[in-house]
C-alpha atoms as a PDB file:
ATOM      1  CA  UNK A   1      -2.073  74.551 -25.076  1.00  0.00           C
ATOM      2  CA  UNK A   2       1.543  73.629 -24.787  1.00  0.00           C
ATOM      3  CA  UNK A   3       4.388  73.052 -27.276  1.00  0.00           C
ATOM      4  CA  UNK A   4       7.637  71.725 -26.574  1.00  0.00           C
ATOM      5  CA  UNK A   5      11.107  72.493 -28.434  1.00  0.00           C
ATOM      6  CA  UNK A   6      14.272  71.532 -27.068  1.00  0.00           C
ATOM      7  CA  UNK A   7      17.792  70.409 -28.801  1.00  0.00           C
ATOM      8  CA  UNK A   8      20.756  68.183 -27.754  1.00  0.00           C
ATOM      9  CA  UNK A   9      21.093  64.543 -26.812  1.00  0.00           C
ATOM     10  CA  UNK A  10      21.016  64.933 -22.880  1.00  0.00           C
ATOM     11  CA  UNK A  11      18.218  67.554 -23.107  1.00  0.00           C
ATOM     12  CA  UNK A  12      16.053  65.446 -25.488  1.00  0.00           C
ATOM     13  CA  UNK A  13      16.705  62.188 -23.291  1.00  0.00           C
ATOM     14  CA  UNK A  14      15.665  64.128 -20.272  1.00  0.00           C
ATOM     15  CA  UNK A  15      12.563  65.849 -21.625  1.00  0.00           C
ATOM     16  CA  UNK A  16      11.257  62.725 -23.078  1.00  0.00           C
ATOM     17  CA  UNK A  17      11.512  61.187 -19.566  1.00  0.00           C
ATOM     18  CA  UNK A  18       9.715  64.265 -18.147  1.00  0.00           C
ATOM     19  CA  UNK A  19       6.673  63.798 -20.556  1.00  0.00           C
ATOM     20  CA  UNK A  20       6.939  59.975 -20.158  1.00  0.00           C
ATOM     21  CA  UNK A  21       6.427  60.450 -16.520  1.00  0.00           C
ATOM     22  CA  UNK A  22       3.514  62.761 -17.070  1.00  0.00           C
ATOM     23  CA  UNK A  23       1.174  60.315 -18.713  1.00  0.00           C
ATOM     24  CA  UNK A  24       2.694  57.265 -16.850  1.00  0.00           C
ATOM     25  CA  UNK A  25      -0.640  56.533 -15.571  1.00  0.00           C
ATOM     26  CA  UNK A  26      -2.850  53.359 -15.784  1.00  0.00           C
ATOM     27  CA  UNK A  27      -5.868  54.946 -15.945  1.00  0.00           C
ATOM     28  CA  UNK A  28      -9.381  53.308 -17.081  1.00  0.00           C
ATOM     29  CA  UNK A  29     -12.152  55.135 -18.501  1.00  0.00           C
ATOM     30  CA  UNK A  30     -15.551  53.574 -18.362  1.00  0.00           C
ATOM     31  CA  UNK A  31     -18.658  54.503 -20.034  1.00  0.00           C
ATOM     32  CA  UNK A  32     -21.982  53.009 -19.607  1.00  0.00           C
ATOM     33  CA  UNK A  33     -24.754  52.174 -17.329  1.00  0.00           C
ATOM     34  CA  UNK A  34     -23.480  51.983 -13.585  1.00  0.00           C
ATOM     35  CA  UNK A  35     -24.551  50.221 -10.701  1.00  0.00           C
ATOM     36  CA  UNK A  36     -27.577  52.256  -8.647  1.00  0.00           C
ATOM     37  CA  UNK A  37     -29.307  53.725 -11.819  1.00  0.00           C
ATOM     38  CA  UNK A  38     -32.717  52.587 -11.835  1.00  0.00           C
ATOM     39  CA  UNK A  39     -35.877  53.440 -14.165  1.00  0.00           C
ATOM     40  CA  UNK A  40     -38.180  55.417 -11.744  1.00  0.00           C
ATOM     41  CA  UNK A  41     -41.294  53.422 -12.967  1.00  0.00           C
ATOM     42  CA  UNK A  42     -40.186  50.132 -12.214  1.00  0.00           C
ATOM     43  CA  UNK A  43     -36.888  49.879 -10.324  1.00  0.00           C
ATOM     44  CA  UNK A  44     -35.518  47.895 -13.140  1.00  0.00           C
ATOM     45  CA  UNK A  45     -31.616  48.639 -13.430  1.00  0.00           C
ATOM     46  CA  UNK A  46     -30.701  50.843 -16.243  1.00  0.00           C
ATOM     47  CA  UNK A  47     -28.038  48.688 -17.148  1.00  0.00           C
ATOM     48  CA  UNK A  48     -30.608  45.697 -17.540  1.00  0.00           C
ATOM     49  CA  UNK A  49     -32.819  48.178 -19.707  1.00  0.00           C
ATOM     50  CA  UNK A  50     -29.919  49.113 -22.108  1.00  0.00           C
ATOM     51  CA  UNK A  51     -28.630  45.623 -22.452  1.00  0.00           C
ATOM     52  CA  UNK A  52     -32.306  44.580 -23.589  1.00  0.00           C
ATOM     53  CA  UNK A  53     -32.531  47.225 -25.954  1.00  0.00           C
ATOM     54  CA  UNK A  54     -29.051  46.580 -27.364  1.00  0.00           C
ATOM     55  CA  UNK A  55     -29.340  42.869 -27.791  1.00  0.00           C
ATOM     56  CA  UNK A  56     -32.936  42.198 -28.057  1.00  0.00           C
ATOM     57  CA  UNK A  57     -34.965  40.348 -25.872  1.00  0.00           C
ATOM     58  CA  UNK A  58     -38.159  39.343 -24.339  1.00  0.00           C
ATOM     59  CA  UNK A  59     -39.806  41.826 -21.664  1.00  0.00           C
ATOM     60  CA  UNK A  60     -42.361  39.971 -19.147  1.00  0.00           C
ATOM     61  CA  UNK A  61     -45.574  41.580 -19.107  1.00  0.00           C
ATOM     62  CA  UNK A  62     -45.678  44.640 -16.531  1.00  0.00           C
ATOM     63  CA  UNK A  63     -47.716  47.374 -15.180  1.00  0.00           C
ATOM     64  CA  UNK A  64     -46.478  50.988 -16.205  1.00  0.00           C
ATOM     65  CA  UNK A  65     -47.197  53.318 -13.492  1.00  0.00           C
ATOM     66  CA  UNK A  66     -48.755  57.084 -14.700  1.00  0.00           C
ATOM     67  CA  UNK A  67     -45.738  59.458 -14.929  1.00  0.00           C
ATOM     68  CA  UNK A  68     -44.870  62.705 -16.605  1.00  0.00           C
ATOM     69  CA  UNK A  69     -41.851  62.481 -19.224  1.00  0.00           C
ATOM     70  CA  UNK A  70     -40.273  65.432 -20.945  1.00  0.00           C
ATOM     71  CA  UNK A  71     -39.438  66.037 -24.756  1.00  0.00           C
ATOM     72  CA  UNK A  72     -36.767  67.758 -26.149  1.00  0.00           C
ATOM     73  CA  UNK A  73     -37.154  68.812 -29.571  1.00  0.00           C
ATOM     74  CA  UNK A  74     -35.707  71.545 -32.024  1.00  0.00           C
ATOM     75  CA  UNK A  75     -37.967  74.446 -33.756  1.00  0.00           C
ATOM     76  CA  UNK A  76     -36.656  76.359 -36.508  1.00  0.00           C
ATOM     77  CA  UNK A  77     -37.037  80.223 -37.383  1.00  0.00           C
ATOM     78  CA  UNK A  78     -40.198  79.177 -39.612  1.00  0.00           C
ATOM     79  CA  UNK A  79     -41.463  77.446 -36.500  1.00  0.00           C
ATOM     80  CA  UNK A  80     -41.369  74.231 -37.895  1.00  0.00           C
ATOM     81  CA  UNK A  81     -39.431  71.018 -36.154  1.00  0.00           C
ATOM     82  CA  UNK A  82     -36.181  70.244 -37.359  1.00  0.00           C
ATOM     83  CA  UNK A  83     -34.787  66.727 -37.978  1.00  0.00           C
ATOM     84  CA  UNK A  84     -38.254  65.411 -38.798  1.00  0.00           C
ATOM     85  CA  UNK A  85     -39.342  66.170 -35.337  1.00  0.00           C
ATOM     86  CA  UNK A  86     -36.610  63.714 -33.694  1.00  0.00           C
ATOM     87  CA  UNK A  87     -36.101  64.263 -30.018  1.00  0.00           C
ATOM     88  CA  UNK A  88     -32.725  65.952 -29.420  1.00  0.00           C
ATOM     89  CA  UNK A  89     -30.436  66.255 -26.590  1.00  0.00           C
ATOM     90  CA  UNK A  90     -31.784  68.928 -23.531  1.00  0.00           C
ATOM     91  CA  UNK A  91     -28.701  70.902 -23.998  1.00  0.00           C
ATOM     92  CA  UNK A  92     -29.631  71.536 -27.734  1.00  0.00           C
ATOM     93  CA  UNK A  93     -33.090  71.784 -27.662  1.00  0.00           C
ATOM     94  CA  UNK A  94     -35.218  75.304 -27.983  1.00  0.00           C
ATOM     95  CA  UNK A  95     -38.844  73.276 -27.694  1.00  0.00           C
ATOM     96  CA  UNK A  96     -40.010  71.397 -24.354  1.00  0.00           C
ATOM     97  CA  UNK A  97     -43.074  69.730 -23.731  1.00  0.00           C
ATOM     98  CA  UNK A  98     -44.158  67.466 -20.760  1.00  0.00           C
ATOM     99  CA  UNK A  99     -46.623  64.487 -21.433  1.00  0.00           C
ATOM    100  CA  UNK A 100     -48.495  62.586 -19.016  1.00  0.00           C
ATOM    101  CA  UNK A 101     -48.216  59.005 -19.484  1.00  0.00           C
ATOM    102  CA  UNK A 102     -51.187  57.151 -17.975  1.00  0.00           C
ATOM    103  CA  UNK A 103     -51.018  53.945 -15.996  1.00  0.00           C
ATOM    104  CA  UNK A 104     -51.008  51.084 -18.585  1.00  0.00           C
ATOM    105  CA  UNK A 105     -50.662  47.610 -19.040  1.00  0.00           C
ATOM    106  CA  UNK A 106     -47.876  46.075 -21.667  1.00  0.00           C
ATOM    107  CA  UNK A 107     -48.272  42.315 -22.140  1.00  0.00           C
ATOM    108  CA  UNK A 108     -45.272  40.130 -22.588  1.00  0.00           C
ATOM    109  CA  UNK A 109     -43.499  41.108 -25.670  1.00  0.00           C
ATOM    110  CA  UNK A 110     -40.207  40.598 -27.985  1.00  0.00           C
ATOM    111  CA  UNK A 111     -38.005  44.001 -28.282  1.00  0.00           C
ATOM    112  CA  UNK A 112     -35.954  43.699 -31.377  1.00  0.00           C
ATOM    113  CA  UNK A 113     -31.749  44.593 -30.893  1.00  0.00           C
ATOM    114  CA  UNK A 114     -31.542  48.375 -31.244  1.00  0.00           C
ATOM    115  CA  UNK A 115     -27.588  48.538 -31.127  1.00  0.00           C
ATOM    116  CA  UNK A 116     -26.935  51.909 -30.083  1.00  0.00           C
ATOM    117  CA  UNK A 117     -23.699  51.378 -28.240  1.00  0.00           C
ATOM    118  CA  UNK A 118     -22.198  49.210 -30.899  1.00  0.00           C
ATOM    119  CA  UNK A 119     -23.015  51.834 -33.270  1.00  0.00           C
ATOM    120  CA  UNK A 120     -21.330  54.489 -31.296  1.00  0.00           C
ATOM    121  CA  UNK A 121     -18.334  52.255 -30.837  1.00  0.00           C
ATOM    122  CA  UNK A 122     -18.140  51.381 -34.326  1.00  0.00           C
ATOM    123  CA  UNK A 123     -18.522  55.224 -35.266  1.00  0.00           C
ATOM    124  CA  UNK A 124     -16.186  56.584 -32.274  1.00  0.00           C
ATOM    125  CA  UNK A 125     -13.222  53.897 -32.659  1.00  0.00           C
ATOM    126  CA  UNK A 126     -12.376  55.897 -35.798  1.00  0.00           C
ATOM    127  CA  UNK A 127     -11.178  58.795 -34.162  1.00  0.00           C
ATOM    128  CA  UNK A 128     -11.209  58.517 -29.953  1.00  0.00           C
ATOM    129  CA  UNK A 129      -7.244  58.189 -30.508  1.00  0.00           C
ATOM    130  CA  UNK A 130      -7.011  61.071 -31.869  1.00  0.00           C
ATOM    131  CA  UNK A 131      -9.365  63.159 -29.723  1.00  0.00           C
ATOM    132  CA  UNK A 132      -7.416  61.409 -26.672  1.00  0.00           C
ATOM    133  CA  UNK A 133      -4.093  62.844 -27.984  1.00  0.00           C
ATOM    134  CA  UNK A 134      -5.919  66.355 -28.749  1.00  0.00           C
ATOM    135  CA  UNK A 135      -7.084  66.285 -25.055  1.00  0.00           C
ATOM    136  CA  UNK A 136      -3.649  65.486 -23.610  1.00  0.00           C
ATOM    137  CA  UNK A 137      -2.192  68.339 -25.760  1.00  0.00           C
ATOM    138  CA  UNK A 138      -4.915  70.815 -24.542  1.00  0.00           C
ATOM    139  CA  UNK A 139      -4.200  69.881 -21.048  1.00  0.00           C
ATOM    140  CA  UNK A 140      -0.596  69.819 -21.234  1.00  0.00           C
ATOM    141  CA  UNK A 141      -0.453  65.811 -21.218  1.00  0.00           C
ATOM    142  CA  UNK A 142      -2.402  66.172 -17.677  1.00  0.00           C
ATOM    143  CA  UNK A 143      -3.838  62.236 -18.177  1.00  0.00           C
ATOM    144  CA  UNK A 144      -6.340  62.734 -15.587  1.00  0.00           C
ATOM    145  CA  UNK A 145      -8.081  66.000 -17.208  1.00  0.00           C
ATOM    146  CA  UNK A 146      -7.507  64.266 -20.696  1.00  0.00           C
ATOM    147  CA  UNK A 147      -9.237  61.235 -19.710  1.00  0.00           C
ATOM    148  CA  UNK A 148     -12.141  63.338 -18.135  1.00  0.00           C
ATOM    149  CA  UNK A 149     -12.644  65.629 -21.082  1.00  0.00           C
ATOM    150  CA  UNK A 150     -12.835  62.245 -23.059  1.00  0.00           C
ATOM    151  CA  UNK A 151     -15.410  60.816 -20.876  1.00  0.00           C
ATOM    152  CA  UNK A 152     -17.642  63.630 -21.172  1.00  0.00           C
ATOM    153  CA  UNK A 153     -17.396  63.375 -24.995  1.00  0.00           C
ATOM    154  CA  UNK A 154     -18.046  59.909 -24.915  1.00  0.00           C
ATOM    155  CA  UNK A 155     -21.164  60.451 -22.881  1.00  0.00           C
ATOM    156  CA  UNK A 156     -22.570  62.999 -25.388  1.00  0.00           C
ATOM    157  CA  UNK A 157     -21.663  60.586 -28.106  1.00  0.00           C
ATOM    158  CA  UNK A 158     -23.430  57.639 -26.684  1.00  0.00           C
ATOM    159  CA  UNK A 159     -26.534  59.899 -25.635  1.00  0.00           C
ATOM    160  CA  UNK A 160     -26.755  60.858 -29.311  1.00  0.00           C
ATOM    161  CA  UNK A 161     -26.418  57.419 -30.544  1.00  0.00           C
ATOM    162  CA  UNK A 162     -29.693  56.911 -28.312  1.00  0.00           C
ATOM    163  CA  UNK A 163     -31.587  59.545 -30.269  1.00  0.00           C
ATOM    164  CA  UNK A 164     -30.448  58.663 -33.461  1.00  0.00           C
ATOM    165  CA  UNK A 165     -33.210  57.202 -36.359  1.00  0.00           C
ATOM    166  CA  UNK A 166     -32.793  53.868 -38.098  1.00  0.00           C
ATOM    167  CA  UNK A 167     -33.425  51.474 -35.437  1.00  0.00           C
ATOM    168  CA  UNK A 168     -36.495  49.225 -35.778  1.00  0.00           C
ATOM    169  CA  UNK A 169     -39.853  50.883 -35.291  1.00  0.00           C
ATOM    170  CA  UNK A 170     -41.821  50.590 -32.430  1.00  0.00           C
ATOM    171  CA  UNK A 171     -45.029  48.624 -32.300  1.00  0.00           C
ATOM    172  CA  UNK A 172     -48.267  50.267 -33.031  1.00  0.00           C
ATOM    173  CA  UNK A 173     -49.398  49.427 -29.488  1.00  0.00           C
ATOM    174  CA  UNK A 174     -46.120  50.826 -27.857  1.00  0.00           C
ATOM    175  CA  UNK A 175     -46.412  53.874 -29.653  1.00  0.00           C
ATOM    176  CA  UNK A 176     -49.908  54.558 -28.452  1.00  0.00           C
ATOM    177  CA  UNK A 177     -49.267  53.508 -24.684  1.00  0.00           C
ATOM    178  CA  UNK A 178     -46.161  56.124 -24.519  1.00  0.00           C
ATOM    179  CA  UNK A 179     -47.668  58.625 -26.756  1.00  0.00           C
ATOM    180  CA  UNK A 180     -44.920  59.212 -29.011  1.00  0.00           C
ATOM    181  CA  UNK A 181     -42.882  57.090 -31.381  1.00  0.00           C
ATOM    182  CA  UNK A 182     -39.167  57.885 -30.652  1.00  0.00           C
ATOM    183  CA  UNK A 183     -37.319  54.320 -29.865  1.00  0.00           C
ATOM    184  CA  UNK A 184     -35.247  53.982 -26.870  1.00  0.00           C
ATOM    185  CA  UNK A 185     -37.138  56.940 -25.162  1.00  0.00           C
ATOM    186  CA  UNK A 186     -39.502  56.634 -22.599  1.00  0.00           C
ATOM    187  CA  UNK A 187     -39.266  58.107 -19.236  1.00  0.00           C
ATOM    188  CA  UNK A 188     -35.462  59.371 -20.188  1.00  0.00           C
ATOM    189  CA  UNK A 189     -33.989  57.455 -17.595  1.00  0.00           C
ATOM    190  CA  UNK A 190     -31.909  55.105 -19.732  1.00  0.00           C
ATOM    191  CA  UNK A 191     -30.507  58.350 -21.488  1.00  0.00           C
ATOM    192  CA  UNK A 192     -29.996  60.054 -18.240  1.00  0.00           C
ATOM    193  CA  UNK A 193     -28.260  57.038 -16.693  1.00  0.00           C
ATOM    194  CA  UNK A 194     -25.171  57.483 -19.293  1.00  0.00           C
ATOM    195  CA  UNK A 195     -22.433  58.263 -17.023  1.00  0.00           C
ATOM    196  CA  UNK A 196     -18.297  57.837 -17.284  1.00  0.00           C
ATOM    197  CA  UNK A 197     -15.871  56.918 -14.563  1.00  0.00           C
ATOM    198  CA  UNK A 198     -12.135  57.070 -14.500  1.00  0.00           C
ATOM    199  CA  UNK A 199     -10.198  54.459 -12.447  1.00  0.00           C
ATOM    200  CA  UNK A 200      -6.684  53.923 -11.751  1.00  0.00           C
END
């Protein structure tokens, strides 16, 4: 981590000019669901799935092909599930199970809004500016490195928001078809599709 100390008007002006040049970069950080990411079971773009889940909508009747899905959770030292047996990020899980989801028909149905993206923005907006400043200081004002660090952080925050509790519950028929009651997770495709890009 760099710290800066200097005295004198000319030296100050020169140093400020130098520091400004290092961060004078019109970088744009994008976080979300990018073109090319699709659902493995039906080919629907992940961005479309995320939009429908975020704002709600009507899903047409469809056939879901049989597939396997991996569930990540945490178990405490006493052998009991932590966090009410809710799903966790793969990197934090210590209990992993695989489930066979049989082929099944899903009739046309309404999906309530589950605003995982807006919730993440609402919570993150309070600290992202400070986080970027911290990354800039850590990377000696290297804007590209700082933006990439912030991008990885935001990917994690959006995935955490997907797994967060408190969204509208699944219909009983959906729980029966999936075999579990975690909202916003089925094949993990949408969760895994969260990415970031840094553009100039």
